Protein backbone atom coordinates (compact mmCIF):
# COMPACT_ATOMS: atom_id res chain seq x y z
CA UNK A 1 41.62 88.56 -1.14
CA UNK A 2 41.44 92.33 -1.66
CA UNK A 3 42.02 92.97 2.02
CA UNK A 4 45.14 90.79 2.00
CA UNK A 5 46.51 92.67 -1.00
CA UNK A 6 45.66 95.93 0.75
CA UNK A 7 47.97 95.22 3.70
CA UNK A 8 50.48 92.97 1.95
CA UNK A 9 51.11 94.55 -1.46
CA UNK A 10 54.55 92.91 -1.87
CA UNK A 11 53.40 89.30 -2.00
CA UNK A 12 54.91 87.18 -4.75
CA UNK A 13 52.59 85.80 -7.46
CA UNK A 14 52.98 82.38 -5.84
CA UNK A 15 51.88 83.68 -2.47
CA UNK A 16 48.92 85.50 -4.01
CA UNK A 17 47.83 82.24 -5.61
CA UNK A 18 48.19 80.32 -2.35
CA UNK A 19 46.13 82.86 -0.43
CA UNK A 20 43.52 82.91 -3.20
CA UNK A 21 43.17 79.11 -3.00
CA UNK A 22 42.15 79.30 0.66
CA UNK A 23 38.62 80.49 -0.10
CA UNK A 24 37.80 77.50 -2.30
CA UNK A 25 39.50 75.03 0.04
CA UNK A 26 37.89 76.22 3.25
CA UNK A 27 34.45 76.51 1.68
CA UNK A 28 34.81 72.93 0.45
CA UNK A 29 36.06 71.49 3.73
CA UNK A 30 33.71 73.52 5.88
CA UNK A 31 30.80 71.74 4.21
CA UNK A 32 32.27 68.44 5.39
CA UNK A 33 33.90 69.38 8.71
CA UNK A 34 32.83 72.51 10.51
CA UNK A 35 36.19 74.13 11.31
CA UNK A 36 34.94 77.70 10.84
CA UNK A 37 31.53 78.90 11.99
CA UNK A 38 29.07 78.62 9.10
CA UNK A 39 28.04 82.20 9.80
CA UNK A 40 31.66 83.33 9.61
CA UNK A 41 32.98 81.57 6.52
CA UNK A 42 32.15 84.60 4.36
CA UNK A 43 34.58 86.58 6.52
CA UNK A 44 37.41 84.10 5.97
CA UNK A 45 39.99 86.64 4.83
CA UNK A 46 39.20 89.35 7.39
CA UNK A 47 38.48 87.28 10.51
CA UNK A 48 40.86 84.39 9.94
CA UNK A 49 43.56 85.01 7.34
CA UNK A 50 44.33 88.68 8.05
CA UNK A 51 43.91 88.10 11.79
CA UNK A 52 46.55 85.36 11.58
CA UNK A 53 48.88 87.58 9.57
CA UNK A 54 48.63 90.28 12.24
CA UNK A 55 51.60 88.65 13.96
CA UNK A 56 53.80 89.90 11.14
CA UNK A 57 53.06 93.49 12.14
CA UNK A 58 54.87 92.84 15.41
CA UNK A 59 57.58 90.36 14.41
CA UNK A 60 59.23 89.23 11.18
CA UNK A 61 60.27 85.62 11.57
CA UNK A 62 63.80 85.03 10.34
CA UNK A 63 64.69 82.35 7.81
CA UNK A 64 65.31 79.07 9.58
CA UNK A 65 63.19 79.94 12.61
CA UNK A 66 60.88 77.27 13.99
CA UNK A 67 57.29 78.00 14.98
CA UNK A 68 54.72 75.74 16.65
CA UNK A 69 51.03 76.51 16.13
CA UNK A 70 49.39 75.20 19.31
CA UNK A 71 45.79 74.17 18.74
CA UNK A 72 45.78 75.14 15.09
CA UNK A 73 42.12 74.19 14.55
CA UNK A 74 41.54 74.59 10.83
CA UNK A 75 45.06 75.95 10.34
CA UNK A 76 45.06 79.38 11.96
CA UNK A 77 47.33 81.20 12.44
CA UNK A 78 49.80 78.63 11.09
CA UNK A 79 48.80 78.26 7.44
CA UNK A 80 48.61 81.99 6.56
CA UNK A 81 51.91 82.56 8.37
CA UNK A 82 53.53 79.64 6.54
CA UNK A 83 52.50 81.19 3.23
CA UNK A 84 53.88 84.58 4.27
CA UNK A 85 57.15 83.14 5.64
CA UNK A 86 58.17 80.33 3.26
CA UNK A 87 61.69 80.08 4.76
CA UNK A 88 60.37 79.41 8.28
CA UNK A 89 59.47 75.95 9.58
CA UNK A 90 56.00 75.50 11.05
CA UNK A 91 54.66 72.64 13.15
CA UNK A 92 50.85 72.70 13.24
CA UNK A 93 49.31 70.73 16.09
CA UNK A 94 45.82 69.92 17.27
CA UNK A 95 44.23 67.28 19.46
CA UNK A 96 41.17 66.87 17.20
CA UNK A 97 41.78 64.46 14.33
CA UNK A 98 39.14 65.84 11.95
CA UNK A 99 40.67 69.31 12.15
CA UNK A 100 44.12 67.88 11.42
CA UNK A 101 42.62 66.23 8.34
CA UNK A 102 41.56 69.66 7.04
CA UNK A 103 44.98 71.17 7.77
CA UNK A 104 46.71 68.33 5.92
CA UNK A 105 44.46 68.81 2.90
CA UNK A 106 44.88 72.59 2.76
CA UNK A 107 48.67 72.36 3.08
CA UNK A 108 48.80 69.73 0.34
CA UNK A 109 46.53 71.62 -2.06
CA UNK A 110 48.39 74.92 -1.63
CA UNK A 111 51.75 73.19 -2.01
CA UNK A 112 53.13 74.35 1.32
CA UNK A 113 56.53 72.75 1.84
CA UNK A 114 57.38 74.32 5.20
CA UNK A 115 54.66 72.75 7.35
CA UNK A 116 54.69 69.64 9.49
CA UNK A 117 51.34 68.56 10.90
CA UNK A 118 50.87 66.53 14.05
CA UNK A 119 47.80 65.14 15.81
CA UNK A 120 48.71 65.61 19.47
CA UNK A 121 47.87 67.39 22.69
CA UNK A 122 50.27 70.22 23.49
CA UNK A 123 50.94 68.70 26.89
CA UNK A 124 52.38 65.64 25.12
CA UNK A 125 54.38 67.42 22.40
CA UNK A 126 58.14 66.89 22.60
CA UNK A 127 59.21 69.29 19.81
CA UNK A 128 60.84 72.66 20.48
CA UNK A 129 60.59 75.99 18.70
CA UNK A 130 61.55 79.65 18.85
CA UNK A 131 57.93 80.73 19.20
CA UNK A 132 54.59 79.16 20.01
CA UNK A 133 51.74 80.87 18.18
CA UNK A 134 48.11 80.40 19.12
CA UNK A 135 44.66 81.79 18.53
CA UNK A 136 42.04 81.75 21.30
CA UNK A 137 43.00 78.30 22.61
CA UNK A 138 43.04 78.96 26.37
CA UNK A 139 43.78 81.67 28.91
CA UNK A 140 47.38 82.84 28.70
CA UNK A 141 48.67 81.34 32.02
CA UNK A 142 47.12 77.96 31.20
CA UNK A 143 48.41 77.94 27.63
CA UNK A 144 51.87 79.03 28.73
CA UNK A 145 51.93 76.22 31.27
CA UNK A 146 51.37 73.74 28.45
CA UNK A 147 53.94 75.15 26.01
CA UNK A 148 56.77 76.61 28.09
CA UNK A 149 58.70 73.35 27.84
CA UNK A 150 58.63 73.62 24.03
CA UNK A 151 60.17 77.09 23.76
CA UNK A 152 63.90 77.43 23.08
CA UNK A 153 65.40 79.99 25.49
CA UNK A 154 66.91 83.24 24.20
CA UNK A 155 66.36 84.18 20.60
CA UNK A 156 67.58 86.34 17.72
CA UNK A 157 64.38 88.23 16.86
CA UNK A 158 63.22 91.66 17.97
CA UNK A 159 61.14 89.83 20.59
CA UNK A 160 62.57 87.19 22.91
CA UNK A 161 61.51 83.63 22.20
CA UNK A 162 58.16 82.88 23.78
CA UNK A 163 54.42 82.67 23.26
CA UNK A 164 52.56 84.82 20.73
CA UNK A 165 48.83 84.55 21.35
CA UNK A 166 46.03 86.26 19.46
CA UNK A 167 43.31 87.30 21.89
CA UNK A 168 40.12 89.33 21.95
CA UNK A 169 38.25 91.40 24.50
CA UNK A 170 39.34 92.18 28.05
CA UNK A 171 42.36 90.08 29.03
CA UNK A 172 43.55 92.00 32.10
CA UNK A 173 42.48 89.34 34.58
CA UNK A 174 44.31 86.51 32.86
CA UNK A 175 47.53 88.55 32.71
CA UNK A 176 47.59 89.55 36.38
CA UNK A 177 49.85 86.66 37.39
CA UNK A 178 52.49 87.39 34.71
CA UNK A 179 52.92 91.19 34.52
CA UNK A 180 56.71 91.32 34.14
CA UNK A 181 57.29 89.24 31.01
CA UNK A 182 54.27 90.17 28.97
CA UNK A 183 53.70 92.67 26.16
CA UNK A 184 50.30 93.46 24.68
CA UNK A 185 49.92 94.89 21.17
CA UNK A 186 46.60 96.35 20.02
CA UNK A 187 45.83 95.16 16.51
CA UNK A 188 43.70 98.23 15.91
CA UNK A 189 46.99 100.12 15.68
CA UNK A 190 47.85 98.17 12.52
CA UNK A 191 44.50 97.63 10.79
CA UNK A 192 41.69 100.14 10.30
CA UNK A 193 38.81 97.66 10.12
CA UNK A 194 36.36 97.67 13.03
CA UNK A 195 36.94 93.96 13.64
CA UNK A 196 40.40 94.65 15.03
CA UNK A 197 39.41 97.31 17.57
CA UNK A 198 39.23 94.78 20.41
CA UNK A 199 41.82 92.33 19.10
CA UNK A 200 45.24 91.96 20.71
CA UNK A 201 48.49 90.08 20.31
CA UNK A 202 50.08 88.98 23.57
CA UNK A 203 53.80 88.21 23.76
CA UNK A 204 54.97 86.28 26.78
CA UNK A 205 58.71 85.79 27.04
CA UNK A 206 59.94 82.34 28.06
């Protein structure tokens, strides 16, 4: 939790409590359903929670905005973002039922009121949103092909409505086919920890 307080010192007491609950909840559920690597669970706040919150260094979602987390897995980036932006509506989706079970439990235990959870493949999802957020689900062109239909055109944020994907490593090859509508933000510009040196946030406008 200290690293979350370090970068987000203005959290409300309620938000601090919700973030603090995540350690107990994910340790409990990870013993039952392996949604986070057993070797990585000790890095929950750095590698998963703070990484998810990195989106907020690039965009501040406005009240009433709608966000779809495509392939949420155990709830990342959707759950940390839903805690940070309580006035924004989040739809967390995944095609794997056991992961959805964990997401439902974590949302219920933390009292999140702004999350809807759906067991579905993105290709089959009919809902629409201002932004699709995702974390290492697929290569950008493939992922965008799945979700483009779900993105509302236009937008009122500092970035046009589109896809916001957290990625790591060298992504030049997967962006070659979409050079004109893409922006890449280096997360190492926002966080000093070594983990973020190779991490990026990709914005692809609809």
